[in-house]
Amino acid sequence: MVRSASMEGMNDFWTDTAPRTSRRGHFWITGERIVQGGETYQRAPMYVEWEAPERVSRPYPVVLVHGGLLQGTEWLDTPDGRPGWAQRLVEAGYAVLVPDRPGHGRSPAHAEVVGAPPGHPFPYEDGRRVFFPLADGPRSTHGRVDGVEEHTQWPFDPADDAALDAFIAPFGPLPADLAASQELDADRLARLLDRIGPSIVVTHSASGPDGWLLADRRPDLVTAIVTVEPLGPAFATTPGIGTLDWGLTAAPIRYDPPLASAGEVREADPAGLRIPALTGLPVAVVTGGASAFAAAGPAIVEFLRTAGAAAERLHLPEHGVHGNGHGLIYELNSDAALTPVLRWLDTKLAQTADQPGQRVARVGDQVA
């Protein structure tokens, strides 16, 4: 085909992207067969995309679990076209798996088949409130507004309508029943770990509870959790999403001594809320200096430590990374935001690295 003058430059964005060599593919964590009206359907399969470097040098794969209403694409590229955390982790030697949680992205889920209606759609106004709330607010001369840093790292001008349209495009509704959604996520993610073996789990925002529930289901397969700006603190209600009735989860999680209901968890002595599956588990709670979500960080860490986890907070300003909001994984300094996470993983997993690459090779072996 002959290119006209008007077509020049239309598709040339890929020429500015550095080529890379890696192994990659995708597979499905299948759902259950159910029969309705004499017809057979599959309930809530989960799409999983994976990529690994030519030589995997890290002992465990990383599973990147996207936030609420979004899909796995939030880990792939930034809104301004730079490589996201998924690629950077591959470059650091990890095999990386990026699922679309059930009912999100490429994971289809009809409400009648799943048995759970969707919640409300995601408006532009919520996008502004959550991801760049200070965009139209006051600015200071000393880098802080109302006790938090100025939000200086958003990757496009919030007044750029085309960029805002592209940012909002991947958002869909959460299931209306938060507990049921978390249970479904945890079940499918547990099946994923059954397939790939011991793994590092990285969550963001509303998927934070999935990490705790996954560890509860597969304590021997979760080697560490990095949770970026998770829902919290314990028992919090997030408007439009739901309530964490079981502490840091909406779905039931096992305590020791056992607690049979969310009501019993609320009435229990907070100092005695131990979760056996989290005992000794390395957990990093990552927060940005300009995010309202960061305020819950210390309380989340305290709850996790009481539960038994080896939890600590990675507050980015304390690591020389400033100006980040809730979308820190894809803001202008996303590479800098990942750096303390990589250091933390190196430190925490150094003693557990046995036969690097052996476990992650199963990913390619099973999906090739």
Protein backbone atom coordinates (compact mmCIF):
# COMPACT_ATOMS: atom_id res chain seq x y z
CA MET A 1 0.00 0.00 0.00
CA VAL A 2 1.27 3.47 -0.84
CA ARG A 3 1.25 5.86 2.11
CA SER A 4 -0.26 9.26 1.44
CA ALA A 5 1.21 12.42 2.88
CA SER A 6 -1.71 12.61 5.32
CA MET A 7 -0.85 9.15 6.65
CA GLU A 8 2.76 9.97 7.43
CA GLY A 9 3.40 9.81 11.14
CA MET A 10 0.00 8.31 11.99
CA ASN A 11 1.38 4.99 13.21
CA ASP A 12 4.97 5.88 13.86
CA PHE A 13 4.64 5.81 17.65
CA TRP A 14 6.12 2.31 17.76
CA THR A 15 9.32 3.43 16.09
CA ASP A 16 10.12 5.37 19.29
CA THR A 17 9.76 2.25 21.44
CA ALA A 18 12.99 0.39 22.14
CA PRO A 19 12.96 -3.21 20.85
CA ARG A 20 13.38 -5.97 23.40
CA THR A 21 13.76 -9.72 23.36
CA SER A 22 11.73 -11.82 25.76
CA ARG A 23 9.47 -14.83 26.00
CA ARG A 24 5.78 -14.07 26.31
CA GLY A 25 2.34 -15.57 26.00
CA HIS A 26 -1.02 -15.93 27.68
CA PHE A 27 -3.32 -18.57 29.12
CA TRP A 28 -6.59 -18.88 31.01
CA ILE A 29 -7.46 -19.92 34.52
CA THR A 30 -10.75 -21.58 33.69
CA GLY A 31 -13.98 -21.25 35.60
CA GLU A 32 -16.50 -23.83 36.68
CA ARG A 33 -19.08 -25.26 34.32
CA ILE A 34 -22.57 -24.37 35.40
CA VAL A 35 -25.94 -25.27 33.86
CA GLN A 36 -28.68 -22.70 33.50
CA GLY A 37 -31.87 -23.25 31.53
CA GLY A 38 -30.51 -26.47 30.07
CA GLU A 39 -27.40 -24.75 28.63
CA THR A 40 -23.82 -25.08 29.92
CA TYR A 41 -21.71 -22.00 30.67
CA GLN A 42 -18.26 -21.29 32.10
CA ARG A 43 -18.29 -19.08 35.17
CA ALA A 44 -15.74 -16.27 35.37
CA PRO A 45 -12.53 -17.48 33.68
CA MET A 46 -9.42 -15.35 34.31
CA TYR A 47 -7.10 -14.17 31.53
CA VAL A 48 -3.37 -14.20 32.35
CA GLU A 49 -0.64 -12.58 30.24
CA TRP A 50 2.98 -13.43 30.97
CA GLU A 51 6.45 -12.29 29.95
CA ALA A 52 9.89 -13.50 30.97
CA PRO A 53 13.40 -12.40 30.04
CA GLU A 54 15.59 -14.64 27.91
CA ARG A 55 17.41 -15.58 31.10
CA VAL A 56 15.33 -15.56 34.26
CA SER A 57 17.67 -14.62 37.10
CA ARG A 58 15.18 -14.33 39.98
CA PRO A 59 13.89 -17.31 41.96
CA TYR A 60 10.19 -16.45 41.97
CA PRO A 61 7.77 -15.04 39.39
CA VAL A 62 5.87 -11.84 40.12
CA VAL A 63 2.08 -11.73 39.84
CA LEU A 64 0.82 -8.17 39.24
CA VAL A 65 -2.81 -7.82 40.36
CA HIS A 66 -4.50 -4.69 39.05
CA GLY A 67 -6.63 -2.30 41.07
CA GLY A 68 -10.38 -1.95 41.27
CA LEU A 69 -12.40 -1.19 38.13
CA LEU A 70 -9.23 -1.43 36.04
CA GLN A 71 -7.44 -4.27 34.21
CA GLY A 72 -3.94 -5.65 33.85
CA THR A 73 -2.99 -2.98 31.34
CA GLU A 74 -2.25 -0.59 34.22
CA TRP A 75 1.02 -2.49 34.74
CA LEU A 76 2.10 -2.55 31.09
CA ASP A 77 2.66 1.03 29.93
CA THR A 78 2.25 4.47 31.45
CA PRO A 79 -0.31 6.99 30.16
CA ASP A 80 2.53 8.94 28.51
CA GLY A 81 3.88 5.84 26.73
CA ARG A 82 6.82 4.74 28.89
CA PRO A 83 7.37 1.13 29.99
CA GLY A 84 5.40 0.18 33.07
CA TRP A 85 6.33 -1.91 36.08
CA ALA A 86 5.70 -5.17 34.22
CA GLN A 87 8.46 -4.50 31.69
CA ARG A 88 10.82 -3.10 34.31
CA LEU A 89 10.42 -6.25 36.41
CA VAL A 90 11.17 -8.39 33.37
CA GLU A 91 14.28 -6.28 32.76
CA ALA A 92 15.24 -6.92 36.40
CA GLY A 93 15.21 -10.67 35.72
CA TYR A 94 11.73 -11.68 36.87
CA ALA A 95 9.11 -13.69 35.05
CA VAL A 96 5.96 -11.57 35.28
CA LEU A 97 2.32 -12.61 35.12
CA VAL A 98 -0.47 -10.05 34.68
CA PRO A 99 -4.02 -11.32 35.19
CA ASP A 100 -7.24 -9.52 34.42
CA ARG A 101 -9.31 -10.16 37.53
CA PRO A 102 -12.63 -11.97 36.91
CA GLY A 103 -15.11 -9.61 35.29
CA HIS A 104 -12.40 -7.11 34.31
CA GLY A 105 -10.60 -6.50 31.01
CA ARG A 106 -10.29 -9.66 28.93
CA SER A 107 -11.83 -11.87 31.62
CA PRO A 108 -15.47 -12.16 30.56
CA ALA A 109 -18.17 -12.42 33.19
CA HIS A 110 -21.86 -12.19 32.46
CA ALA A 111 -23.73 -11.11 35.59
CA GLU A 112 -26.29 -13.93 35.30
CA VAL A 113 -23.58 -16.57 34.91
CA VAL A 114 -21.38 -15.24 37.70
CA GLY A 115 -24.36 -14.67 39.94
CA ALA A 116 -23.31 -11.17 40.92
CA PRO A 117 -24.59 -7.92 39.38
CA PRO A 118 -22.10 -5.19 38.47
CA GLY A 119 -21.80 -2.05 40.52
CA HIS A 120 -21.96 1.51 39.25
CA PRO A 121 -19.89 2.63 36.25
CA PHE A 122 -16.76 4.72 36.81
CA PRO A 123 -17.27 8.45 36.13
CA TYR A 124 -14.59 10.91 35.10
CA GLU A 125 -15.21 12.80 38.33
CA ASP A 126 -14.13 9.79 40.40
CA GLY A 127 -11.03 9.50 38.26
CA ARG A 128 -10.09 13.07 39.12
CA ARG A 129 -10.86 12.66 42.82
CA VAL A 130 -8.84 9.46 43.19
CA PHE A 131 -5.87 9.98 40.89
CA PHE A 132 -5.19 13.72 40.76
CA PRO A 133 -7.30 15.42 43.45
CA LEU A 134 -4.94 18.40 43.78
CA ALA A 135 -4.81 19.12 40.06
CA ASP A 136 -7.06 22.15 40.47
CA GLY A 137 -6.23 22.84 44.10
CA PRO A 138 -3.89 25.24 45.87
CA ARG A 139 -0.13 25.15 45.45
CA SER A 140 2.47 26.03 48.02
CA THR A 141 6.00 27.34 47.69
CA HIS A 142 7.49 24.70 49.97
CA GLY A 143 6.19 21.52 48.35
CA ARG A 144 3.38 20.60 50.74
CA VAL A 145 -0.36 21.28 50.89
CA ASP A 146 -2.40 20.41 53.99
CA GLY A 147 0.34 18.17 55.37
CA VAL A 148 1.02 16.18 52.21
CA GLU A 149 3.35 16.71 49.30
CA GLU A 150 2.20 18.45 46.16
CA HIS A 151 1.15 16.03 43.46
CA THR A 152 3.79 16.79 40.83
CA GLN A 153 4.19 13.45 39.01
CA TRP A 154 0.92 13.00 37.10
CA PRO A 155 1.91 12.02 33.53
CA PHE A 156 -0.42 14.33 31.60
CA ASP A 157 -2.20 17.62 32.00
CA PRO A 158 -5.63 16.89 33.55
CA ALA A 159 -7.03 19.54 31.21
CA ASP A 160 -5.92 17.46 28.18
CA ASP A 161 -9.27 15.94 27.20
CA ALA A 162 -7.82 13.36 24.79
CA ALA A 163 -5.34 12.09 27.38
CA LEU A 164 -8.06 11.97 30.02
CA ASP A 165 -10.32 10.00 27.67
CA ALA A 166 -7.57 7.45 27.10
CA PHE A 167 -6.92 7.17 30.84
CA ILE A 168 -10.58 6.58 31.73
CA ALA A 169 -11.17 4.13 28.85
CA PRO A 170 -10.05 0.90 30.65
CA PHE A 171 -12.17 1.48 33.75
CA GLY A 172 -15.22 -0.71 34.23
CA PRO A 173 -17.58 -1.44 37.11
CA LEU A 174 -16.71 -3.47 40.16
CA PRO A 175 -19.12 -6.24 41.12
CA ALA A 176 -21.69 -4.81 43.50
CA ASP A 177 -20.88 -7.46 46.14
CA LEU A 178 -17.31 -6.67 47.26
CA ALA A 179 -16.97 -9.82 49.38
CA ALA A 180 -18.10 -12.08 46.55
CA SER A 181 -15.73 -10.32 44.15
CA GLN A 182 -12.77 -10.80 46.50
CA GLU A 183 -13.60 -14.47 46.99
CA LEU A 184 -13.73 -15.01 43.24
CA ASP A 185 -10.43 -13.15 42.76
CA ALA A 186 -8.72 -15.16 45.49
CA ASP A 187 -9.99 -18.46 44.10
CA ARG A 188 -8.73 -17.76 40.57
CA LEU A 189 -5.42 -16.37 41.82
CA ALA A 190 -4.95 -19.44 44.01
CA ARG A 191 -5.40 -21.63 40.94
CA LEU A 192 -2.82 -19.49 39.16
CA LEU A 193 -0.28 -20.11 41.92
CA ASP A 194 -1.10 -23.82 41.83
CA ARG A 195 0.06 -23.70 38.22
CA ILE A 196 3.21 -21.57 38.51
CA GLY A 197 4.42 -22.32 42.03
CA PRO A 198 5.73 -20.02 44.79
CA SER A 199 5.39 -16.40 43.73
CA ILE A 200 5.70 -12.76 44.74
CA VAL A 201 2.29 -11.05 44.71
CA VAL A 202 2.00 -7.32 43.94
CA THR A 203 -1.38 -5.65 44.43
CA HIS A 204 -2.67 -2.12 43.90
CA SER A 205 -5.51 -0.25 45.58
CA ALA A 206 -8.74 -2.31 45.66
CA SER A 207 -6.86 -5.54 44.92
CA GLY A 208 -4.96 -5.18 48.21
CA PRO A 209 -7.38 -7.52 50.03
CA ASP A 210 -6.80 -10.15 47.32
CA GLY A 211 -3.23 -10.50 48.55
CA TRP A 212 -4.28 -11.32 52.12
CA LEU A 213 -6.96 -13.75 50.93
CA LEU A 214 -4.56 -15.41 48.51
CA ALA A 215 -2.01 -15.94 51.29
CA ASP A 216 -4.80 -17.41 53.41
CA ARG A 217 -5.62 -19.91 50.65
CA ARG A 218 -2.06 -20.70 49.58
CA PRO A 219 0.30 -19.82 52.46
CA ASP A 220 3.04 -22.06 51.04
CA LEU A 221 2.93 -20.41 47.61
CA VAL A 222 3.03 -16.70 48.52
CA THR A 223 6.66 -15.78 49.22
CA ALA A 224 6.14 -12.03 49.66
CA ILE A 225 3.48 -9.39 49.12
CA VAL A 226 4.03 -5.86 47.86
CA THR A 227 0.81 -3.89 48.21
CA VAL A 228 0.67 -0.44 46.62
CA GLU A 229 -1.76 1.95 48.34
CA PRO A 230 -4.16 -0.82 49.44
CA LEU A 231 -7.68 -0.42 50.78
CA GLY A 232 -7.66 0.27 54.49
CA PRO A 233 -7.38 0.81 57.37
CA ALA A 234 -9.09 -2.17 58.98
CA PHE A 235 -12.90 -2.13 58.81
CA ALA A 236 -12.89 0.93 56.54
CA THR A 237 -15.73 1.74 54.18
CA THR A 238 -14.74 3.04 50.75
CA PRO A 239 -17.60 4.90 49.02
CA GLY A 240 -18.69 3.15 45.84
CA ILE A 241 -16.66 0.04 46.66
CA GLY A 242 -17.68 -1.45 50.01
CA THR A 243 -16.64 -2.24 53.57
CA LEU A 244 -13.75 -4.33 54.90
CA ASP A 245 -15.94 -6.26 57.33
CA TRP A 246 -13.28 -8.87 58.21
CA GLY A 247 -10.49 -6.43 59.00
CA LEU A 248 -8.50 -5.79 55.83
CA THR A 249 -10.86 -7.89 53.67
CA ALA A 250 -14.56 -7.89 52.87
CA ALA A 251 -14.49 -11.68 52.39
CA PRO A 252 -13.91 -14.11 55.28
CA ILE A 253 -10.31 -14.80 56.29
CA ARG A 254 -9.08 -17.27 58.93
CA TYR A 255 -8.05 -15.99 62.34
CA ASP A 256 -6.49 -17.87 65.25
CA PRO A 257 -8.34 -18.38 67.49
CA PRO A 258 -11.11 -18.88 64.91
CA LEU A 259 -13.76 -16.21 64.45
CA ALA A 260 -16.97 -17.32 62.80
CA SER A 261 -18.37 -14.01 61.57
CA ALA A 262 -17.44 -10.47 60.66
CA GLY A 263 -19.26 -9.36 63.78
CA GLU A 264 -16.98 -11.50 65.94
CA VAL A 265 -13.94 -9.98 64.24
CA ARG A 266 -15.15 -6.45 64.97
CA GLU A 267 -15.86 -7.29 68.60
CA ALA A 268 -12.54 -9.08 69.19
CA ASP A 269 -9.58 -7.49 70.96
CA PRO A 270 -7.53 -5.93 68.11
CA ALA A 271 -4.34 -7.09 69.80
CA GLY A 272 -5.44 -10.69 69.38
CA LEU A 273 -6.37 -10.65 65.68
CA ARG A 274 -3.79 -13.09 64.38
CA ILE A 275 -3.95 -14.54 60.85
CA PRO A 276 -1.90 -17.76 60.74
CA ALA A 277 -1.28 -17.58 56.99
CA LEU A 278 0.49 -14.23 57.37
CA THR A 279 2.90 -15.37 60.07
CA GLY A 280 6.41 -14.26 59.11
CA LEU A 281 5.31 -13.30 55.58
CA PRO A 282 7.34 -10.35 54.18
CA VAL A 283 4.94 -7.53 53.29
CA ALA A 284 5.73 -4.06 51.94
CA VAL A 285 3.01 -1.39 52.04
CA VAL A 286 3.99 1.19 49.41
CA THR A 287 2.57 4.71 49.69
CA GLY A 288 3.02 7.99 47.82
CA GLY A 289 3.73 11.33 49.45
CA ALA A 290 0.88 13.17 47.71
CA SER A 291 -1.82 10.52 48.06
CA ALA A 292 -4.76 10.59 50.44
CA PHE A 293 -4.53 6.79 50.59
CA ALA A 294 -1.12 7.08 52.27
CA ALA A 295 -2.71 8.19 55.54
CA ALA A 296 -3.95 4.63 56.12
CA GLY A 297 -0.49 3.14 55.62
CA PRO A 298 0.72 3.10 59.26
CA ALA A 299 -2.53 1.59 60.53
CA ILE A 300 -2.46 -1.10 57.84
CA VAL A 301 1.12 -2.00 58.76
CA GLU A 302 0.20 -2.15 62.45
CA PHE A 303 -2.76 -4.45 61.72
CA LEU A 304 -0.57 -6.73 59.59
CA ARG A 305 2.15 -6.90 62.24
CA THR A 306 -0.42 -7.83 64.87
CA ALA A 307 -1.72 -10.48 62.47
CA GLY A 308 1.81 -11.92 62.34
CA ALA A 309 3.21 -10.56 59.08
CA ALA A 310 6.73 -9.17 58.77
CA ALA A 311 5.21 -5.96 57.46
CA GLU A 312 6.84 -2.60 56.86
CA ARG A 313 5.93 0.62 55.12
CA LEU A 314 7.77 1.85 52.06
CA HIS A 315 6.73 5.50 52.07
CA LEU A 316 8.27 6.86 48.89
CA PRO A 317 9.39 10.28 50.24
CA GLU A 318 11.52 8.44 52.81
CA HIS A 319 13.33 6.86 49.84
CA GLY A 320 13.87 10.13 47.99
CA VAL A 321 10.85 9.70 45.66
CA HIS A 322 8.50 12.66 45.86
CA GLY A 323 5.22 14.02 44.51
CA ASN A 324 3.34 10.77 43.94
CA GLY A 325 -0.38 10.13 44.15
CA HIS A 326 -2.50 6.98 44.08
CA GLY A 327 -1.39 6.06 40.56
CA LEU A 328 2.30 6.01 41.48
CA ILE A 329 2.91 2.83 39.47
CA TYR A 330 2.47 4.79 36.22
CA GLU A 331 3.30 8.39 37.13
CA LEU A 332 6.22 10.35 35.67
CA ASN A 333 8.72 8.88 38.14
CA SER A 334 7.33 5.32 38.05
CA ASP A 335 10.82 3.89 37.57
CA ALA A 336 12.04 5.71 40.68
CA ALA A 337 8.97 4.51 42.58
CA LEU A 338 9.83 0.90 41.68
CA THR A 339 13.46 1.20 42.82
CA PRO A 340 12.84 0.86 46.60
CA VAL A 341 10.50 -2.04 45.88
CA LEU A 342 13.23 -3.86 43.96
CA ARG A 343 15.69 -3.18 46.78
CA TRP A 344 13.22 -4.49 49.33
CA LEU A 345 12.63 -7.67 47.32
CA ASP A 346 16.37 -8.22 46.95
CA THR A 347 16.79 -7.93 50.71
CA LYS A 348 13.82 -10.05 51.76
CA LEU A 349 14.26 -12.85 49.24
CA ALA A 350 18.05 -13.15 49.24
CA GLN A 351 17.99 -16.01 51.72
CA THR A 352 15.19 -17.90 49.95
CA ALA A 353 16.67 -17.96 46.44
CA ASP A 354 17.30 -21.60 45.62
CA GLN A 355 18.11 -22.68 42.06
CA PRO A 356 17.17 -19.39 40.35
CA GLY A 357 14.90 -19.75 37.35
CA GLN A 358 13.78 -23.32 38.02
CA ARG A 359 10.30 -22.48 39.29
CA VAL A 360 9.58 -19.74 36.80
CA ALA A 361 10.54 -22.00 33.92
CA ARG A 362 7.24 -23.79 34.58
CA VAL A 363 5.41 -20.75 33.22
CA GLY A 364 6.90 -21.11 29.76
CA ASP A 365 6.85 -24.90 29.86
CA GLN A 366 3.12 -25.07 30.49
CA VAL A 367 1.88 -22.40 28.10
CA ALA A 368 4.26 -22.80 25.15
